[in-house]
Protein backbone atom coordinates (compact mmCIF):
# COMPACT_ATOMS: atom_id res chain seq x y z
CA MET A 1 -8.96 -9.90 5.71
CA LYS A 2 -11.17 -11.40 3.04
CA ASN A 3 -13.20 -8.52 1.57
CA SER A 4 -13.72 -4.77 1.33
CA LYS A 5 -15.93 -4.69 4.45
CA GLU A 6 -13.09 -6.00 6.62
CA LEU A 7 -10.64 -3.56 5.01
CA ILE A 8 -12.94 -0.61 5.79
CA GLU A 9 -13.19 -1.80 9.41
CA LEU A 10 -9.38 -1.92 9.64
CA LEU A 11 -8.97 1.62 8.32
CA ASN A 12 -11.65 3.18 10.55
CA LEU A 13 -9.69 4.28 13.61
CA THR A 14 -10.92 4.51 17.19
CA ALA A 15 -11.14 8.13 18.36
CA LEU A 16 -9.30 8.85 21.63
CA ASP A 17 -10.19 12.55 21.42
CA SER A 18 -10.75 15.06 18.61
CA HIS A 19 -7.16 14.83 17.27
CA ASN A 20 -5.85 11.51 18.56
CA PHE A 21 -6.78 8.07 17.24
CA SER A 22 -5.80 4.42 17.61
CA GLY A 23 -5.61 1.63 15.02
CA GLU A 24 -4.94 -2.11 14.93
CA SER A 25 -2.85 -3.99 12.35
CA VAL A 26 -3.32 -7.01 10.08
CA THR A 27 -0.41 -8.73 8.34
CA ILE A 28 -0.21 -9.10 4.56
CA GLY A 29 2.46 -11.77 4.89
CA SER A 30 5.26 -9.80 6.54
CA THR A 31 6.38 -9.81 10.17
CA ILE A 32 6.01 -6.00 10.31
CA VAL A 33 3.13 -3.61 9.67
CA PHE A 34 2.27 -3.05 5.98
CA GLY A 35 3.17 0.49 4.93
CA GLY A 36 -0.07 0.92 2.99
CA GLN A 37 -2.04 0.27 6.17
CA VAL A 38 -0.23 3.03 8.09
CA LEU A 39 -0.65 5.39 5.14
CA ALA A 40 -4.38 4.76 4.87
CA GLN A 41 -5.01 4.91 8.61
CA ALA A 42 -3.13 8.23 8.78
CA VAL A 43 -5.39 9.54 5.99
CA ASN A 44 -8.40 8.36 8.01
CA ALA A 45 -7.11 10.30 11.03
CA ALA A 46 -6.50 13.47 9.01
CA TYR A 47 -9.93 13.32 7.36
CA ARG A 48 -11.58 13.18 10.80
CA THR A 49 -10.44 16.80 11.37
CA ILE A 50 -11.34 18.18 7.92
CA PRO A 51 -14.54 20.07 6.91
CA GLU A 52 -16.91 17.96 4.79
CA ASP A 53 -16.49 20.13 1.69
CA ARG A 54 -12.73 19.50 1.36
CA PHE A 55 -11.04 16.45 -0.12
CA LEU A 56 -7.53 15.04 -0.13
CA HIS A 57 -5.52 16.17 -3.16
CA SER A 58 -1.97 15.29 -2.10
CA LEU A 59 0.03 13.51 0.57
CA HIS A 60 3.73 13.16 1.32
CA SER A 61 5.04 10.74 3.92
CA TYR A 62 8.09 9.05 5.43
CA PHE A 63 8.39 5.60 6.99
CA LEU A 64 10.76 5.99 9.95
CA GLU A 65 10.58 2.69 11.85
CA ALA A 66 9.13 -0.78 11.25
CA GLY A 67 5.72 -1.14 12.89
CA ASP A 68 4.97 -3.90 15.43
CA LEU A 69 1.90 -5.92 14.41
CA THR A 70 1.00 -6.69 18.05
CA ILE A 71 0.84 -3.11 19.36
CA PRO A 72 -1.88 -0.52 18.54
CA ILE A 73 -0.69 2.47 16.51
CA LYS A 74 -1.45 5.94 17.87
CA TYR A 75 -2.15 8.71 15.38
CA ASN A 76 -1.90 12.39 16.33
CA VAL A 77 -3.24 15.06 13.96
CA ALA A 78 -1.91 18.62 14.00
CA GLU A 79 -3.88 21.34 12.18
CA MET A 80 -1.24 23.25 10.22
CA ARG A 81 -3.51 25.51 8.16
CA ASN A 82 -7.17 26.19 7.40
CA GLY A 83 -7.34 28.59 4.46
CA GLY A 84 -10.11 29.75 2.19
CA SER A 85 -9.61 26.84 -0.24
CA PHE A 86 -7.05 24.49 1.33
CA SER A 87 -6.55 22.73 4.67
CA THR A 88 -3.26 21.11 5.68
CA ARG A 89 -2.68 18.44 8.32
CA ARG A 90 0.36 16.73 9.81
CA VAL A 91 -0.15 13.21 11.15
CA THR A 92 2.35 11.45 13.40
CA ALA A 93 2.05 7.69 13.98
CA SER A 94 3.74 6.16 17.02
CA GLN A 95 4.13 2.97 19.05
CA LYS A 96 5.48 2.96 22.61
CA GLU A 97 6.24 6.70 22.34
CA LYS A 98 8.43 6.06 19.28
CA THR A 99 7.49 7.83 16.03
CA ILE A 100 7.27 5.28 13.22
CA PHE A 101 5.69 7.39 10.43
CA ILE A 102 4.91 11.00 9.50
CA LEU A 103 2.41 12.32 6.95
CA ALA A 104 1.69 15.75 5.50
CA ALA A 105 -1.65 15.95 3.70
CA SER A 106 -3.43 18.76 1.89
CA PHE A 107 -7.19 19.01 1.30
CA HIS A 108 -8.91 21.20 -1.29
CA LYS A 109 -12.50 22.29 -1.80
CA LYS A 110 -13.99 21.39 -5.19
CA GLU A 111 -13.32 23.95 -7.91
CA ASP A 112 -13.74 24.13 -11.70
CA GLY A 113 -10.68 24.57 -13.90
CA PHE A 114 -8.69 23.43 -16.94
CA GLU A 115 -8.32 19.73 -17.66
CA HIS A 116 -6.05 17.23 -19.40
CA GLN A 117 -4.65 13.82 -18.47
CA GLN A 118 -2.13 11.18 -19.53
CA GLU A 119 -3.74 8.33 -21.44
CA ILE A 120 -3.76 4.69 -20.35
CA THR A 121 -1.23 2.42 -22.08
CA THR A 122 -2.71 0.76 -25.17
CA PRO A 123 -2.94 -1.97 -26.16
CA ILE A 124 -2.92 -3.73 -22.82
CA LYS A 125 -4.18 -7.15 -21.77
CA GLN A 126 -7.53 -7.06 -20.00
CA PRO A 127 -8.16 -8.73 -16.62
CA GLU A 128 -10.17 -11.55 -18.19
CA GLU A 129 -7.03 -12.64 -20.08
CA LEU A 130 -4.85 -12.80 -16.96
CA MET A 131 -4.34 -14.93 -13.86
CA SER A 132 -4.76 -13.55 -10.35
CA TRP A 133 -2.34 -14.27 -7.52
CA GLU A 134 -4.82 -16.87 -6.24
CA ASP A 135 -4.99 -18.49 -9.70
CA MET A 136 -1.19 -18.73 -9.74
CA VAL A 137 -1.12 -20.53 -6.39
CA ILE A 138 -3.75 -23.00 -7.57
CA LYS A 139 -2.03 -23.69 -10.89
CA PHE A 140 1.66 -23.46 -9.96
CA GLY A 141 1.68 -23.76 -6.16
CA ASN A 142 3.62 -27.03 -6.10
CA PHE A 143 6.42 -25.45 -8.12
CA LEU A 144 6.65 -22.02 -6.46
CA PRO A 145 9.42 -21.20 -3.96
CA LYS A 146 8.08 -21.49 -0.42
CA ARG A 147 8.28 -17.77 0.42
CA ILE A 148 6.55 -16.70 -2.80
CA LYS A 149 3.80 -19.28 -2.36
CA SER A 150 3.28 -18.19 1.26
CA PHE A 151 3.00 -14.51 0.27
CA LEU A 152 0.59 -15.16 -2.61
CA SER A 153 -1.57 -17.42 -0.40
CA ILE A 154 -2.38 -14.76 2.22
CA GLU A 155 -6.07 -13.85 2.26
CA ARG A 156 -6.54 -10.29 1.01
CA PRO A 157 -9.48 -7.98 0.36
CA ILE A 158 -8.04 -7.24 -3.10
CA ASP A 159 -7.57 -9.32 -6.25
CA PHE A 160 -4.36 -8.61 -8.19
CA LYS A 161 -3.76 -9.63 -11.83
CA PRO A 162 -0.27 -8.78 -13.18
CA VAL A 163 -0.22 -7.87 -16.87
CA ARG A 164 3.18 -9.57 -17.13
CA ALA A 165 3.81 -12.39 -14.65
CA SER A 166 7.47 -13.34 -14.31
CA ASN A 167 8.54 -16.96 -13.88
CA PRO A 168 10.16 -17.29 -10.41
CA LEU A 169 11.93 -20.48 -11.53
CA GLU A 170 13.52 -18.86 -14.58
CA ARG A 171 14.30 -15.31 -13.58
CA GLU A 172 15.16 -12.82 -16.30
CA ASN A 173 15.88 -9.10 -16.31
CA LEU A 174 12.85 -7.12 -17.45
CA PRO A 175 12.00 -3.51 -18.34
CA ALA A 176 11.68 -1.13 -15.38
CA LYS A 177 7.88 -1.19 -15.49
CA GLU A 178 5.04 -2.88 -13.64
CA GLU A 179 1.37 -2.98 -14.64
CA ILE A 180 -1.20 -4.78 -12.57
CA TRP A 181 -5.00 -4.81 -12.50
CA PHE A 182 -6.71 -4.78 -9.10
CA LYS A 183 -10.26 -5.08 -7.79
CA LEU A 184 -11.87 -5.18 -4.35
CA LYS A 185 -13.31 -8.51 -3.22
CA GLY A 186 -16.82 -9.11 -1.94
CA ASP A 187 -19.85 -6.84 -2.10
CA ILE A 188 -18.72 -3.25 -2.54
CA PRO A 189 -20.59 -0.95 -0.13
CA GLU A 190 -21.51 2.61 -1.02
CA MET A 191 -18.51 4.83 -0.28
CA ASP A 192 -17.95 8.55 -0.09
CA MET A 193 -14.84 10.13 -1.57
CA ARG A 194 -13.06 10.03 1.78
CA MET A 195 -13.25 6.25 2.07
CA LYS A 196 -12.27 5.79 -1.58
CA HIS A 197 -9.14 7.82 -0.95
CA GLN A 198 -8.24 5.73 2.09
CA ILE A 199 -8.66 2.43 0.25
CA LEU A 200 -6.76 3.63 -2.83
CA THR A 201 -3.94 4.82 -0.55
CA TYR A 202 -3.84 1.38 1.10
CA ILE A 203 -3.61 -0.38 -2.28
CA SER A 204 -1.01 2.04 -3.66
CA ASP A 205 1.79 0.61 -1.49
CA TYR A 206 1.41 -2.86 -3.04
CA ASN A 207 3.62 -3.73 -6.02
CA VAL A 208 5.36 -0.33 -6.25
CA LEU A 209 8.99 -1.43 -5.98
CA ASN A 210 8.57 -4.27 -8.49
CA ALA A 211 9.31 -1.78 -11.27
CA ALA A 212 12.66 -0.96 -9.67
CA PHE A 213 13.61 -4.62 -9.17
CA ASN A 214 12.66 -5.80 -12.67
CA PRO A 215 15.89 -4.69 -14.45
CA ASN A 216 17.90 -6.78 -11.95
CA ALA A 217 15.43 -9.64 -11.55
CA LYS A 218 18.07 -12.30 -12.30
CA GLU A 219 20.03 -11.33 -9.18
CA TYR A 220 17.23 -10.18 -6.87
CA ASN A 221 15.13 -12.42 -4.66
CA PHE A 222 13.38 -12.24 -1.27
CA GLY A 223 16.31 -13.91 0.43
CA ASN A 224 19.23 -11.78 -0.76
CA THR A 225 17.88 -8.23 -0.56
CA MET A 226 16.66 -6.04 2.31
CA THR A 227 13.66 -4.01 1.16
CA ALA A 228 11.52 -1.32 2.76
CA SER A 229 9.40 1.66 1.74
CA LEU A 230 11.25 4.87 2.61
CA ASP A 231 8.74 7.49 1.52
CA HIS A 232 5.45 7.67 -0.37
CA SER A 233 3.61 10.49 -2.14
CA MET A 234 0.24 10.60 -3.88
CA TRP A 235 -1.86 13.08 -5.82
CA PHE A 236 -5.62 12.57 -6.21
CA PHE A 237 -7.56 13.88 -9.20
CA ARG A 238 -10.97 12.57 -10.25
CA ASP A 239 -13.81 10.74 -8.52
CA PHE A 240 -14.21 7.04 -9.33
CA GLU A 241 -15.94 3.83 -8.24
CA PHE A 242 -14.51 0.49 -7.11
CA ASP A 243 -17.09 -1.46 -9.14
CA ASP A 244 -14.66 -2.70 -11.83
CA TRP A 245 -10.99 -3.50 -12.33
CA MET A 246 -8.51 -0.61 -12.04
CA LEU A 247 -4.98 -0.39 -13.42
CA PHE A 248 -1.85 0.30 -11.36
CA SER A 249 0.91 1.38 -13.77
CA ALA A 250 4.45 2.06 -12.46
CA GLU A 251 7.88 2.79 -13.91
CA SER A 252 11.29 3.18 -12.32
CA PRO A 253 13.59 5.89 -13.72
CA ASN A 254 16.49 5.02 -11.43
CA THR A 255 18.06 2.63 -8.94
CA PHE A 256 21.34 3.59 -7.28
CA GLY A 257 23.02 3.52 -3.88
CA ALA A 258 20.73 0.78 -2.48
CA ARG A 259 17.63 2.87 -3.28
CA GLY A 260 15.09 2.63 -6.07
CA LEU A 261 12.65 5.28 -7.26
CA CYS A 262 9.25 4.38 -8.72
CA ARG A 263 6.44 6.57 -9.98
CA GLY A 264 3.20 5.98 -11.83
CA ASN A 265 -0.53 6.34 -12.25
CA ILE A 266 -3.79 4.65 -11.28
CA PHE A 267 -6.53 4.46 -13.92
CA THR A 268 -10.11 3.22 -14.05
CA ARG A 269 -10.70 0.52 -16.62
CA ASP A 270 -12.15 3.04 -19.09
CA GLY A 271 -8.98 5.13 -18.89
CA LYS A 272 -9.84 7.83 -16.34
CA LEU A 273 -6.72 8.97 -14.45
CA VAL A 274 -7.71 9.08 -10.78
CA ALA A 275 -4.34 9.32 -8.97
CA SER A 276 -0.56 9.44 -9.36
CA PHE A 277 2.08 8.18 -6.94
CA ALA A 278 5.82 8.15 -6.27
CA GLN A 279 7.89 6.11 -3.86
CA GLU A 280 11.56 5.56 -3.04
CA GLY A 281 12.44 2.24 -1.46
CA LEU A 282 15.41 0.57 0.14
CA MET A 283 16.97 -2.13 -2.09
CA ARG A 284 20.03 -3.23 -0.10
CA PRO A 285 21.82 -6.39 -1.29
CA MET A 286 22.75 -8.56 1.68
CA LYS A 287 26.33 -9.76 1.69
CA ASN A 288 27.06 -13.42 2.39
CA LYS A 289 28.96 -13.84 5.64
């Protein structure tokens, strides 16, 4: 995928009937299906059964099995509740009759109420001061470890610019935080809130566990640790546009027992808090045989 148009095409599922859908997969550099893709496609499926005046406000999900990139993913939507203000859906994703992912999502009609929000971290480097993943490959590609270079070189519909880029050749332990600017590539089409939620969900599974690995960065690398997303939750707040850089800000309060917990917020560039997220991931050191 090269741009937002191709990402939207990936997330738009094929309807099999009113509550069953099918989706294809595109790799982001791994041999298995990207968790953010399954998340976003499940949101697409759920939204297809929701009245137009209700919008996603929270989701909670579990990754049960690794997805096969070569097999279509089937999504089944169960209507759990349709109340006066809220609608709840359960989405089950499967391949070859095996459940690989489950999602519970709640949708809320627009209402007025009280308001406050956490502020964006200040001061913080702006995107213009930073290098993107593509810039890093161009400038340092000959010196990067093969696996890191291969991952950073994959064509994506999103530009990422880490606020603090670690040196893979001189690893050091860092604070349990990760801040990264992101922006969609290509011409940005007009989107309704439903599509914005799907794309933001897709992006939210990138970079999350970095915050949990940073305190042990000297020991950790792609080759000595088994990693996987175990669960993922999100809460959606305010409307926004994808016409400028946005900030993904994560922290990790704990790693223990081969699992790491990360949580954080997504802001617009002018500091509007649009979503929060939390994820626990597998961080299993592999023993030398």
